[in-house]
Amino acid sequence: MTSPYETLGVSREATQKDIQSAYRKLAKKLHPDLNPGDKGAEDRFKAVSAAYALLSDEEKRGKYDRGEIDETGAETAPRHYYRDYASSGDTAGRYESAHGFSDFADADDIFSSFFSRRSGGQQQRQRGRDQHFSMEIGFLDAANGTKTEISLPGGGPALDLTIPPGTRDGQTLRLRGKGEPGFNGAPAGDALIDIRVRPHPLFATDGDDVRYEVPISLSEAVLGGKIRVPTIDGAVNVTIPPHSNTGKTLRLKGKGLHKSGGGHGDAYVSLKIVLPQTPDPALSAFVESWADGKTEDPRKGMGGQA
């Protein structure tokens, strides 16, 4: 199986910044919204997202590097054999005990209850184990919240899952009582759903805020005016001030992500001046005759002037 480092095209010594940069570059190229109907791009996007989910989490990355989990995030528990303990001289301590069979099972293993009952005759109740799963959702579904129906591995009826508004990448949702069944009448464990949020081709998160870039025409930049811009919950009207340069940022209060304690973050819209795709002779003639435009130096003060 391809390692997550190979999937993202980075080395094992890559910094978190390198990993994030590689992921953003690939996500923008492979996002399903930008490649409709391209199954290959969609599959690669899923692989890239899964690799980023693992490597962007420093704890998971460390476990992967140490061989404790595999590329999917599943644990790779070491397998122990009798010869391992025999060679270490620990045979007496490992295989002989005043508690009979109890040493052969971990305390949280369902079989430990069985062995304890065999040795002591006492009935024990044991809560079912929690089960961990992962799920990928779209950016806008995470931002605005949604309800979806899921089927957990291993069969069983479909379950209703509520994605709360403002769900973040890496957040874990709990379905109580949907894990492994309990023993001897004890309650079942929970199903823990680790959420991975697909990146959006336009919106990027900054804490509770959302940042993105919106193109404007030259006339809108010079003269100002009202334009429609997208937000995570629908388009709104925004006023562009006259003489707005590329990079000017407008704040849309309350148009960011839902906060866990209530309220919303803000949206920050960065303007980008875009010239007409087809050259305009009238515009070219005006600029040619614009004397002040030829003396204007927007790079003044940057150094390196001739």
C-alpha atoms as a PDB file:
ATOM      1  CA  MET A   1       0.000   0.000   0.000  1.00  0.00           C
ATOM      2  CA  THR A   2       1.284   3.489  -0.843  1.00  0.00           C
ATOM      3  CA  SER A   3       2.487   5.432   2.178  1.00  0.00           C
ATOM      4  CA  PRO A   4       0.766   8.737   3.020  1.00  0.00           C
ATOM      5  CA  TYR A   5       4.066  10.514   2.389  1.00  0.00           C
ATOM      6  CA  GLU A   6       4.187   9.146  -1.164  1.00  0.00           C
ATOM      7  CA  THR A   7       0.518  10.034  -1.695  1.00  0.00           C
ATOM      8  CA  LEU A   8       1.200  13.681  -0.821  1.00  0.00           C
ATOM      9  CA  GLY A   9       4.575  13.696  -2.585  1.00  0.00           C
ATOM     10  CA  VAL A  10       6.596  14.714   0.491  1.00  0.00           C
ATOM     11  CA  SER A  11       9.491  13.160   2.355  1.00  0.00           C
ATOM     12  CA  ARG A  12       9.296  11.657   5.829  1.00  0.00           C
ATOM     13  CA  GLU A  13      11.236  14.673   7.106  1.00  0.00           C
ATOM     14  CA  ALA A  14       8.606  17.104   5.778  1.00  0.00           C
ATOM     15  CA  THR A  15       7.383  19.784   8.185  1.00  0.00           C
ATOM     16  CA  GLN A  16       3.691  20.282   8.970  1.00  0.00           C
ATOM     17  CA  LYS A  17       3.809  23.370   6.768  1.00  0.00           C
ATOM     18  CA  ASP A  18       5.217  21.300   3.881  1.00  0.00           C
ATOM     19  CA  ILE A  19       2.467  18.718   4.353  1.00  0.00           C
ATOM     20  CA  GLN A  20      -0.276  21.339   4.444  1.00  0.00           C
ATOM     21  CA  SER A  21       1.108  23.076   1.350  1.00  0.00           C
ATOM     22  CA  ALA A  22       1.299  19.813  -0.610  1.00  0.00           C
ATOM     23  CA  TYR A  23      -2.231  18.883   0.443  1.00  0.00           C
ATOM     24  CA  ARG A  24      -3.741  22.229  -0.551  1.00  0.00           C
ATOM     25  CA  LYS A  25      -2.038  22.085  -3.945  1.00  0.00           C
ATOM     26  CA  LEU A  26      -3.327  18.581  -4.666  1.00  0.00           C
ATOM     27  CA  ALA A  27      -6.790  19.261  -3.217  1.00  0.00           C
ATOM     28  CA  LYS A  28      -7.311  22.258  -5.484  1.00  0.00           C
ATOM     29  CA  LYS A  29      -6.238  20.184  -8.479  1.00  0.00           C
ATOM     30  CA  LEU A  30      -8.269  17.042  -7.683  1.00  0.00           C
ATOM     31  CA  HIS A  31     -11.395  18.369  -5.935  1.00  0.00           C
ATOM     32  CA  PRO A  32     -14.522  16.594  -7.312  1.00  0.00           C
ATOM     33  CA  ASP A  33     -16.285  19.922  -7.832  1.00  0.00           C
ATOM     34  CA  LEU A  34     -13.532  20.902 -10.254  1.00  0.00           C
ATOM     35  CA  ASN A  35     -13.411  17.496 -11.973  1.00  0.00           C
ATOM     36  CA  PRO A  36     -17.031  16.449 -12.469  1.00  0.00           C
ATOM     37  CA  GLY A  37     -17.378  12.876 -13.688  1.00  0.00           C
ATOM     38  CA  ASP A  38     -13.655  12.114 -13.321  1.00  0.00           C
ATOM     39  CA  LYS A  39     -13.612   8.976 -11.137  1.00  0.00           C
ATOM     40  CA  GLY A  40      -9.815   8.841 -11.173  1.00  0.00           C
ATOM     41  CA  ALA A  41      -9.504  12.370  -9.817  1.00  0.00           C
ATOM     42  CA  GLU A  42     -12.148  11.607  -7.186  1.00  0.00           C
ATOM     43  CA  ASP A  43     -10.300   8.483  -6.014  1.00  0.00           C
ATOM     44  CA  ARG A  44      -7.001  10.352  -5.848  1.00  0.00           C
ATOM     45  CA  PHE A  45      -8.677  13.177  -3.938  1.00  0.00           C
ATOM     46  CA  LYS A  46      -9.976  10.702  -1.355  1.00  0.00           C
ATOM     47  CA  ALA A  47      -6.519   9.164  -1.005  1.00  0.00           C
ATOM     48  CA  VAL A  48      -4.906  12.590  -0.626  1.00  0.00           C
ATOM     49  CA  SER A  49      -7.496  13.601   1.993  1.00  0.00           C
ATOM     50  CA  ALA A  50      -6.918  10.398   3.971  1.00  0.00           C
ATOM     51  CA  ALA A  51      -3.136  10.860   3.845  1.00  0.00           C
ATOM     52  CA  TYR A  52      -3.449  14.449   5.043  1.00  0.00           C
ATOM     53  CA  ALA A  53      -5.819  13.459   7.865  1.00  0.00           C
ATOM     54  CA  LEU A  54      -3.143  11.084   9.174  1.00  0.00           C
ATOM     55  CA  LEU A  55      -0.021  13.204   8.685  1.00  0.00           C
ATOM     56  CA  SER A  56      -1.554  16.520   9.805  1.00  0.00           C
ATOM     57  CA  ASP A  57      -2.243  14.973  13.213  1.00  0.00           C
ATOM     58  CA  GLU A  58       1.161  14.887  14.906  1.00  0.00           C
ATOM     59  CA  GLU A  59       0.104  12.142  17.316  1.00  0.00           C
ATOM     60  CA  LYS A  60      -1.182   9.893  14.512  1.00  0.00           C
ATOM     61  CA  ARG A  61       1.865  10.716  12.379  1.00  0.00           C
ATOM     62  CA  GLY A  62       4.140   9.648  15.221  1.00  0.00           C
ATOM     63  CA  LYS A  63       2.260   6.386  15.653  1.00  0.00           C
ATOM     64  CA  TYR A  64       2.487   5.706  11.906  1.00  0.00           C
ATOM     65  CA  ASP A  65       6.217   6.437  11.838  1.00  0.00           C
ATOM     66  CA  ARG A  66       6.707   4.033  14.760  1.00  0.00           C
ATOM     67  CA  GLY A  67       4.655   1.350  13.022  1.00  0.00           C
ATOM     68  CA  GLU A  68       1.866   1.443  15.629  1.00  0.00           C
ATOM     69  CA  ILE A  69      -0.825   2.184  13.009  1.00  0.00           C
ATOM     70  CA  ASP A  70      -1.061   1.573   9.273  1.00  0.00           C
ATOM     71  CA  GLU A  71      -1.925   3.891   6.351  1.00  0.00           C
ATOM     72  CA  THR A  72      -5.628   3.712   7.222  1.00  0.00           C
ATOM     73  CA  GLY A  73      -5.066   4.667  10.856  1.00  0.00           C
ATOM     74  CA  ALA A  74      -5.849   1.154  12.102  1.00  0.00           C
ATOM     75  CA  GLU A  75      -3.731  -0.155  14.959  1.00  0.00           C
ATOM     76  CA  THR A  76      -1.072  -2.728  14.131  1.00  0.00           C
ATOM     77  CA  ALA A  77      -0.772  -4.427  17.484  1.00  0.00           C
ATOM     78  CA  PRO A  78       2.365  -6.555  17.927  1.00  0.00           C
ATOM     79  CA  ARG A  79       1.858 -10.315  17.917  1.00  0.00           C
ATOM     80  CA  HIS A  80       3.360 -12.114  20.926  1.00  0.00           C
ATOM     81  CA  TYR A  81       4.468 -15.727  20.988  1.00  0.00           C
ATOM     82  CA  TYR A  82       5.522 -18.032  23.795  1.00  0.00           C
ATOM     83  CA  ARG A  83       9.115 -18.026  22.542  1.00  0.00           C
ATOM     84  CA  ASP A  84       9.264 -14.255  23.044  1.00  0.00           C
ATOM     85  CA  TYR A  85       8.656 -14.649  26.742  1.00  0.00           C
ATOM     86  CA  ALA A  86      10.686 -17.821  27.081  1.00  0.00           C
ATOM     87  CA  SER A  87      13.739 -16.123  25.578  1.00  0.00           C
ATOM     88  CA  SER A  88      13.334 -13.140  27.874  1.00  0.00           C
ATOM     89  CA  GLY A  89      13.433 -15.328  31.009  1.00  0.00           C
ATOM     90  CA  ASP A  90       9.976 -14.148  32.011  1.00  0.00           C
ATOM     91  CA  THR A  91       8.197 -17.473  31.677  1.00  0.00           C
ATOM     92  CA  ALA A  92       7.474 -17.810  35.365  1.00  0.00           C
ATOM     93  CA  GLY A  93       6.150 -14.297  35.724  1.00  0.00           C
ATOM     94  CA  ARG A  94       4.088 -14.440  32.549  1.00  0.00           C
ATOM     95  CA  TYR A  95       2.632 -17.928  32.646  1.00  0.00           C
ATOM     96  CA  GLU A  96       2.375 -18.742  36.332  1.00  0.00           C
ATOM     97  CA  SER A  97       0.092 -16.882  38.683  1.00  0.00           C
ATOM     98  CA  ALA A  98      -1.936 -17.352  41.809  1.00  0.00           C
ATOM     99  CA  HIS A  99      -4.909 -16.146  39.767  1.00  0.00           C
ATOM    100  CA  GLY A 100      -4.948 -19.101  37.415  1.00  0.00           C
ATOM    101  CA  PHE A 101      -5.984 -18.160  33.853  1.00  0.00           C
ATOM    102  CA  SER A 102      -6.414 -14.445  34.495  1.00  0.00           C
ATOM    103  CA  ASP A 103      -2.932 -13.565  33.216  1.00  0.00           C
ATOM    104  CA  PHE A 104      -3.795 -14.719  29.696  1.00  0.00           C
ATOM    105  CA  ALA A 105      -6.251 -11.872  29.053  1.00  0.00           C
ATOM    106  CA  ASP A 106      -6.092  -8.093  29.214  1.00  0.00           C
ATOM    107  CA  ALA A 107      -8.260  -6.446  31.825  1.00  0.00           C
ATOM    108  CA  ASP A 108     -10.556  -4.909  29.194  1.00  0.00           C
ATOM    109  CA  ASP A 109     -10.775  -8.033  27.051  1.00  0.00           C
ATOM    110  CA  ILE A 110     -14.120  -9.796  27.044  1.00  0.00           C
ATOM    111  CA  PHE A 111     -12.361 -13.112  27.692  1.00  0.00           C
ATOM    112  CA  SER A 112     -10.903 -11.825  30.972  1.00  0.00           C
ATOM    113  CA  SER A 113     -14.424 -11.880  32.381  1.00  0.00           C
ATOM    114  CA  PHE A 114     -14.733 -15.518  31.393  1.00  0.00           C
ATOM    115  CA  PHE A 115     -11.440 -16.514  32.976  1.00  0.00           C
ATOM    116  CA  SER A 116     -12.219 -14.562  36.139  1.00  0.00           C
ATOM    117  CA  ARG A 117     -15.536 -16.383  36.491  1.00  0.00           C
ATOM    118  CA  ARG A 118     -13.819 -19.744  35.937  1.00  0.00           C
ATOM    119  CA  SER A 119     -11.297 -19.007  38.681  1.00  0.00           C
ATOM    120  CA  GLY A 120     -13.516 -17.234  41.200  1.00  0.00           C
ATOM    121  CA  GLY A 121     -17.030 -18.234  40.292  1.00  0.00           C
ATOM    122  CA  GLN A 122     -18.167 -14.586  40.301  1.00  0.00           C
ATOM    123  CA  GLN A 123     -20.442 -13.238  37.562  1.00  0.00           C
ATOM    124  CA  GLN A 124     -19.168  -9.996  36.066  1.00  0.00           C
ATOM    125  CA  ARG A 125     -20.788  -7.398  33.861  1.00  0.00           C
ATOM    126  CA  GLN A 126     -18.658  -5.674  31.254  1.00  0.00           C
ATOM    127  CA  ARG A 127     -19.555  -2.695  29.108  1.00  0.00           C
ATOM    128  CA  GLY A 128     -19.113  -3.234  25.378  1.00  0.00           C
ATOM    129  CA  ARG A 129     -16.088  -1.768  23.696  1.00  0.00           C
ATOM    130  CA  ASP A 130     -16.264   1.474  21.765  1.00  0.00           C
ATOM    131  CA  GLN A 131     -15.754   1.157  18.025  1.00  0.00           C
ATOM    132  CA  HIS A 132     -13.885   3.756  15.977  1.00  0.00           C
ATOM    133  CA  PHE A 133     -14.813   4.717  12.425  1.00  0.00           C
ATOM    134  CA  SER A 134     -13.927   7.567  10.064  1.00  0.00           C
ATOM    135  CA  MET A 135     -16.145   9.531   7.718  1.00  0.00           C
ATOM    136  CA  GLU A 136     -15.471  12.218   5.112  1.00  0.00           C
ATOM    137  CA  ILE A 137     -17.942  15.068   4.591  1.00  0.00           C
ATOM    138  CA  GLY A 138     -18.059  18.185   2.437  1.00  0.00           C
ATOM    139  CA  PHE A 139     -16.946  21.575   3.741  1.00  0.00           C
ATOM    140  CA  LEU A 140     -20.384  23.188   3.510  1.00  0.00           C
ATOM    141  CA  ASP A 141     -22.071  20.212   5.226  1.00  0.00           C
ATOM    142  CA  ALA A 142     -19.611  20.600   8.098  1.00  0.00           C
ATOM    143  CA  ALA A 143     -20.049  24.377   8.236  1.00  0.00           C
ATOM    144  CA  ASN A 144     -23.843  24.456   8.065  1.00  0.00           C
ATOM    145  CA  GLY A 145     -24.673  21.086   9.611  1.00  0.00           C
ATOM    146  CA  THR A 146     -26.667  18.292   8.033  1.00  0.00           C
ATOM    147  CA  LYS A 147     -28.321  14.964   8.719  1.00  0.00           C
ATOM    148  CA  THR A 148     -27.241  11.824   6.924  1.00  0.00           C
ATOM    149  CA  GLU A 149     -27.848   8.093   7.050  1.00  0.00           C
ATOM    150  CA  ILE A 150     -24.850   5.827   7.559  1.00  0.00           C
ATOM    151  CA  SER A 151     -24.218   2.100   7.723  1.00  0.00           C
ATOM    152  CA  LEU A 152     -21.438   0.936  10.012  1.00  0.00           C
ATOM    153  CA  PRO A 153     -19.068  -1.855   8.932  1.00  0.00           C
ATOM    154  CA  GLY A 154     -20.189  -5.261  10.127  1.00  0.00           C
ATOM    155  CA  GLY A 155     -23.811  -4.929   9.129  1.00  0.00           C
ATOM    156  CA  GLY A 156     -26.791  -3.823  11.143  1.00  0.00           C
ATOM    157  CA  PRO A 157     -29.512  -1.299  10.392  1.00  0.00           C
ATOM    158  CA  ALA A 158     -28.761   2.124   8.926  1.00  0.00           C
ATOM    159  CA  LEU A 159     -28.246   4.877  11.501  1.00  0.00           C
ATOM    160  CA  ASP A 160     -29.196   8.554  11.463  1.00  0.00           C
ATOM    161  CA  LEU A 161     -26.184  10.790  12.062  1.00  0.00           C
ATOM    162  CA  THR A 162     -26.510  14.491  12.803  1.00  0.00           C
ATOM    163  CA  ILE A 163     -23.563  16.670  11.761  1.00  0.00           C
ATOM    164  CA  PRO A 164     -23.736  19.760  14.009  1.00  0.00           C
ATOM    165  CA  PRO A 165     -23.158  23.191  12.413  1.00  0.00           C
ATOM    166  CA  GLY A 166     -19.524  24.220  12.716  1.00  0.00           C
ATOM    167  CA  THR A 167     -18.130  20.682  12.770  1.00  0.00           C
ATOM    168  CA  ARG A 168     -14.340  20.838  12.422  1.00  0.00           C
ATOM    169  CA  ASP A 169     -11.875  18.573  10.651  1.00  0.00           C
ATOM    170  CA  GLY A 170     -10.685  15.927  13.129  1.00  0.00           C
ATOM    171  CA  GLN A 171     -13.731  16.262  15.398  1.00  0.00           C
ATOM    172  CA  THR A 172     -15.214  13.036  16.785  1.00  0.00           C
ATOM    173  CA  LEU A 173     -18.964  12.417  16.924  1.00  0.00           C
ATOM    174  CA  ARG A 174     -20.387   9.852  19.348  1.00  0.00           C
ATOM    175  CA  LEU A 175     -23.292   7.483  18.710  1.00  0.00           C
ATOM    176  CA  ARG A 176     -24.132   6.146  22.147  1.00  0.00           C
ATOM    177  CA  GLY A 177     -24.853   2.448  22.440  1.00  0.00           C
ATOM    178  CA  LYS A 178     -23.866   1.695  18.826  1.00  0.00           C
ATOM    179  CA  GLY A 179     -20.554  -0.003  19.611  1.00  0.00           C
ATOM    180  CA  GLU A 180     -19.941  -3.615  20.621  1.00  0.00           C
ATOM    181  CA  PRO A 181     -22.633  -5.225  22.804  1.00  0.00           C
ATOM    182  CA  GLY A 182     -22.055  -5.465  26.532  1.00  0.00           C
ATOM    183  CA  PHE A 183     -21.473  -8.711  28.423  1.00  0.00           C
ATOM    184  CA  ASN A 184     -23.883 -10.213  30.921  1.00  0.00           C
ATOM    185  CA  GLY A 185     -26.442  -7.414  30.655  1.00  0.00           C
ATOM    186  CA  ALA A 186     -23.959  -4.519  30.663  1.00  0.00           C
ATOM    187  CA  PRO A 187     -24.577  -1.575  28.284  1.00  0.00           C
ATOM    188  CA  ALA A 188     -23.166  -1.545  24.765  1.00  0.00           C
ATOM    189  CA  GLY A 189     -20.187   0.598  23.850  1.00  0.00           C
ATOM    190  CA  ASP A 190     -20.362   3.665  21.632  1.00  0.00           C
ATOM    191  CA  ALA A 191     -19.548   4.235  17.972  1.00  0.00           C
ATOM    192  CA  LEU A 192     -17.011   7.048  17.616  1.00  0.00           C
ATOM    193  CA  ILE A 193     -17.001   8.711  14.198  1.00  0.00           C
ATOM    194  CA  ASP A 194     -13.834  10.648  13.322  1.00  0.00           C
ATOM    195  CA  ILE A 195     -14.798  13.389  10.873  1.00  0.00           C
ATOM    196  CA  ARG A 196     -12.587  14.430   7.976  1.00  0.00           C
ATOM    197  CA  VAL A 197     -13.713  17.591   6.182  1.00  0.00           C
ATOM    198  CA  ARG A 198     -12.911  17.866   2.487  1.00  0.00           C
ATOM    199  CA  PRO A 199     -11.315  21.201   1.552  1.00  0.00           C
ATOM    200  CA  HIS A 200     -13.396  23.647  -0.463  1.00  0.00           C
ATOM    201  CA  PRO A 201     -12.037  25.182  -3.688  1.00  0.00           C
ATOM    202  CA  LEU A 202     -13.012  28.698  -2.494  1.00  0.00           C
ATOM    203  CA  PHE A 203     -13.375  28.855   1.292  1.00  0.00           C
ATOM    204  CA  ALA A 204     -10.534  28.352   3.775  1.00  0.00           C
ATOM    205  CA  THR A 205     -10.951  28.319   7.552  1.00  0.00           C
ATOM    206  CA  ASP A 206      -9.030  30.486  10.017  1.00  0.00           C
ATOM    207  CA  GLY A 207     -10.240  29.438  13.436  1.00  0.00           C
ATOM    208  CA  ASP A 208     -13.911  30.453  13.539  1.00  0.00           C
ATOM    209  CA  ASP A 209     -13.449  32.737  10.525  1.00  0.00           C
ATOM    210  CA  VAL A 210     -13.604  32.002   6.812  1.00  0.00           C
ATOM    211  CA  ARG A 211     -11.266  33.604   4.271  1.00  0.00           C
ATOM    212  CA  TYR A 212     -11.520  33.610   0.500  1.00  0.00           C
ATOM    213  CA  GLU A 213     -10.746  35.635  -2.609  1.00  0.00           C
ATOM    214  CA  VAL A 214     -13.284  37.259  -4.938  1.00  0.00           C
ATOM    215  CA  PRO A 215     -12.400  38.673  -8.396  1.00  0.00           C
ATOM    216  CA  ILE A 216     -13.602  42.152  -9.353  1.00  0.00           C
ATOM    217  CA  SER A 217     -13.431  44.044 -12.646  1.00  0.00           C
ATOM    218  CA  LEU A 218     -11.237  47.067 -13.258  1.00  0.00           C
ATOM    219  CA  SER A 219     -14.255  49.367 -13.369  1.00  0.00           C
ATOM    220  CA  GLU A 220     -15.534  47.975 -10.032  1.00  0.00           C
ATOM    221  CA  ALA A 221     -12.111  48.548  -8.521  1.00  0.00           C
ATOM    222  CA  VAL A 222     -11.871  52.151  -9.750  1.00  0.00           C
ATOM    223  CA  LEU A 223     -15.473  53.293  -9.402  1.00  0.00           C
ATOM    224  CA  GLY A 224     -16.717  50.994  -6.640  1.00  0.00           C
ATOM    225  CA  GLY A 225     -20.204  49.520  -6.574  1.00  0.00           C
ATOM    226  CA  LYS A 226     -22.298  46.672  -5.246  1.00  0.00           C
ATOM    227  CA  ILE A 227     -21.566  43.052  -6.125  1.00  0.00           C
ATOM    228  CA  ARG A 228     -22.887  39.632  -5.068  1.00  0.00           C
ATOM    229  CA  VAL A 229     -20.381  37.445  -3.275  1.00  0.00           C
ATOM    230  CA  PRO A 230     -20.780  33.882  -1.989  1.00  0.00           C
ATOM    231  CA  THR A 231     -20.714  32.974   1.703  1.00  0.00           C
ATOM    232  CA  ILE A 232     -20.951  29.581   3.390  1.00  0.00           C
ATOM    233  CA  ASP A 233     -24.723  30.017   3.809  1.00  0.00           C
ATOM    234  CA  GLY A 234     -25.623  31.831   0.571  1.00  0.00           C
ATOM    235  CA  ALA A 235     -24.723  34.872  -1.534  1.00  0.00           C
ATOM    236  CA  VAL A 236     -24.962  38.406  -0.121  1.00  0.00           C
ATOM    237  CA  ASN A 237     -24.600  41.958  -1.474  1.00  0.00           C
ATOM    238  CA  VAL A 238     -21.307  43.687  -0.721  1.00  0.00           C
ATOM    239  CA  THR A 239     -20.282  47.283  -1.391  1.00  0.00           C
ATOM    240  CA  ILE A 240     -16.883  47.742  -3.046  1.00  0.00           C
ATOM    241  CA  PRO A 241     -15.363  51.122  -2.090  1.00  0.00           C
ATOM    242  CA  PRO A 242     -13.975  53.228  -4.981  1.00  0.00           C
ATOM    243  CA  HIS A 243     -10.252  52.835  -5.694  1.00  0.00           C
ATOM    244  CA  SER A 244     -10.032  49.342  -4.178  1.00  0.00           C
ATOM    245  CA  ASN A 245      -6.742  47.578  -4.853  1.00  0.00           C
ATOM    246  CA  THR A 246      -6.068  43.875  -5.166  1.00  0.00           C
ATOM    247  CA  GLY A 247      -5.602  42.529  -1.649  1.00  0.00           C
ATOM    248  CA  LYS A 248      -8.097  44.865  -0.016  1.00  0.00           C
ATOM    249  CA  THR A 249     -10.056  42.807   2.494  1.00  0.00           C
ATOM    250  CA  LEU A 250     -13.714  43.287   3.384  1.00  0.00           C
ATOM    251  CA  ARG A 251     -15.145  41.905   6.632  1.00  0.00           C
ATOM    252  CA  LEU A 252     -18.567  40.255   6.575  1.00  0.00           C
ATOM    253  CA  LYS A 253     -19.551  40.109  10.231  1.00  0.00           C
ATOM    254  CA  GLY A 254     -21.194  36.872  11.391  1.00  0.00           C
ATOM    255  CA  LYS A 255     -20.666  35.090   8.080  1.00  0.00           C
ATOM    256  CA  GLY A 256     -18.033  32.695   9.399  1.00  0.00           C
ATOM    257  CA  LEU A 257     -18.308  29.339  11.146  1.00  0.00           C
ATOM    258  CA  HIS A 258     -20.708  28.464  13.923  1.00  0.00           C
ATOM    259  CA  LYS A 259     -18.952  28.725  17.320  1.00  0.00           C
ATOM    260  CA  SER A 260     -19.276  25.974  19.885  1.00  0.00           C
ATOM    261  CA  GLY A 261     -20.361  28.475  22.531  1.00  0.00           C
ATOM    262  CA  GLY A 262     -22.863  30.199  20.235  1.00  0.00           C
ATOM    263  CA  GLY A 263     -22.603  32.887  17.591  1.00  0.00           C
ATOM    264  CA  HIS A 264     -20.521  32.876  14.415  1.00  0.00           C
ATOM    265  CA  GLY A 265     -17.115  33.921  13.242  1.00  0.00           C
ATOM    266  CA  ASP A 266     -16.639  36.386  10.392  1.00  0.00           C
ATOM    267  CA  ALA A 267     -15.925  36.081   6.683  1.00  0.00           C
ATOM    268  CA  TYR A 268     -12.973  37.993   5.209  1.00  0.00           C
ATOM    269  CA  VAL A 269     -13.217  38.627   1.468  1.00  0.00           C
ATOM    270  CA  SER A 270      -9.989  39.535  -0.303  1.00  0.00           C
ATOM    271  CA  LEU A 271     -10.465  41.431  -3.573  1.00  0.00           C
ATOM    272  CA  LYS A 272      -8.529  40.596  -6.735  1.00  0.00           C
ATOM    273  CA  ILE A 273      -8.636  42.848  -9.791  1.00  0.00           C
ATOM    274  CA  VAL A 274      -9.070  40.865 -13.019  1.00  0.00           C
ATOM    275  CA  LEU A 275      -8.624  42.468 -16.441  1.00  0.00           C
ATOM    276  CA  PRO A 276     -10.981  41.544 -19.319  1.00  0.00           C
ATOM    277  CA  GLN A 277     -10.137  38.215 -20.918  1.00  0.00           C
ATOM    278  CA  THR A 278     -10.423  39.821 -24.351  1.00  0.00           C
ATOM    279  CA  PRO A 279      -8.148  42.875 -24.846  1.00  0.00           C
ATOM    280  CA  ASP A 280     -10.122  46.127 -25.103  1.00  0.00           C
ATOM    281  CA  PRO A 281      -8.582  48.602 -27.603  1.00  0.00           C
ATOM    282  CA  ALA A 282     -10.331  51.532 -25.894  1.00  0.00           C
ATOM    283  CA  LEU A 283      -8.852  50.588 -22.531  1.00  0.00           C
ATOM    284  CA  SER A 284      -5.401  50.181 -24.052  1.00  0.00           C
ATOM    285  CA  ALA A 285      -5.686  53.587 -25.783  1.00  0.00           C
ATOM    286  CA  PHE A 286      -6.733  55.252 -22.524  1.00  0.00           C
ATOM    287  CA  VAL A 287      -3.822  53.779 -20.571  1.00  0.00           C
ATOM    288  CA  GLU A 288      -1.432  54.782 -23.375  1.00  0.00           C
ATOM    289  CA  SER A 289      -2.608  58.383 -23.147  1.00  0.00           C
ATOM    290  CA  TRP A 290      -2.707  58.422 -19.328  1.00  0.00           C
ATOM    291  CA  ALA A 291       0.353  60.485 -18.466  1.00  0.00           C
ATOM    292  CA  ASP A 292       0.134  60.119 -14.683  1.00  0.00           C
ATOM    293  CA  GLY A 293      -0.141  56.367 -15.054  1.00  0.00           C
ATOM    294  CA  LYS A 294       3.314  56.232 -16.624  1.00  0.00           C
ATOM    295  CA  THR A 295       4.928  57.968 -13.665  1.00  0.00           C
ATOM    296  CA  GLU A 296       3.113  55.977 -10.981  1.00  0.00           C
ATOM    297  CA  ASP A 297       5.448  53.432  -9.319  1.00  0.00           C
ATOM    298  CA  PRO A 298       3.562  50.910  -7.153  1.00  0.00           C
ATOM    299  CA  ARG A 299       6.888  49.273  -6.191  1.00  0.00           C
ATOM    300  CA  LYS A 300       8.362  52.399  -4.679  1.00  0.00           C
ATOM    301  CA  GLY A 301       9.984  51.690  -1.350  1.00  0.00           C
ATOM    302  CA  MET A 302      10.573  47.989  -2.043  1.00  0.00           C
ATOM    303  CA  GLY A 303      14.280  48.474  -2.768  1.00  0.00           C
ATOM    304  CA  GLY A 304      16.230  47.245  -5.757  1.00  0.00           C
ATOM    305  CA  GLN A 305      15.302  50.287  -7.873  1.00  0.00           C
ATOM    306  CA  ALA A 306      17.592  51.167 -10.761  1.00  0.00           C
END
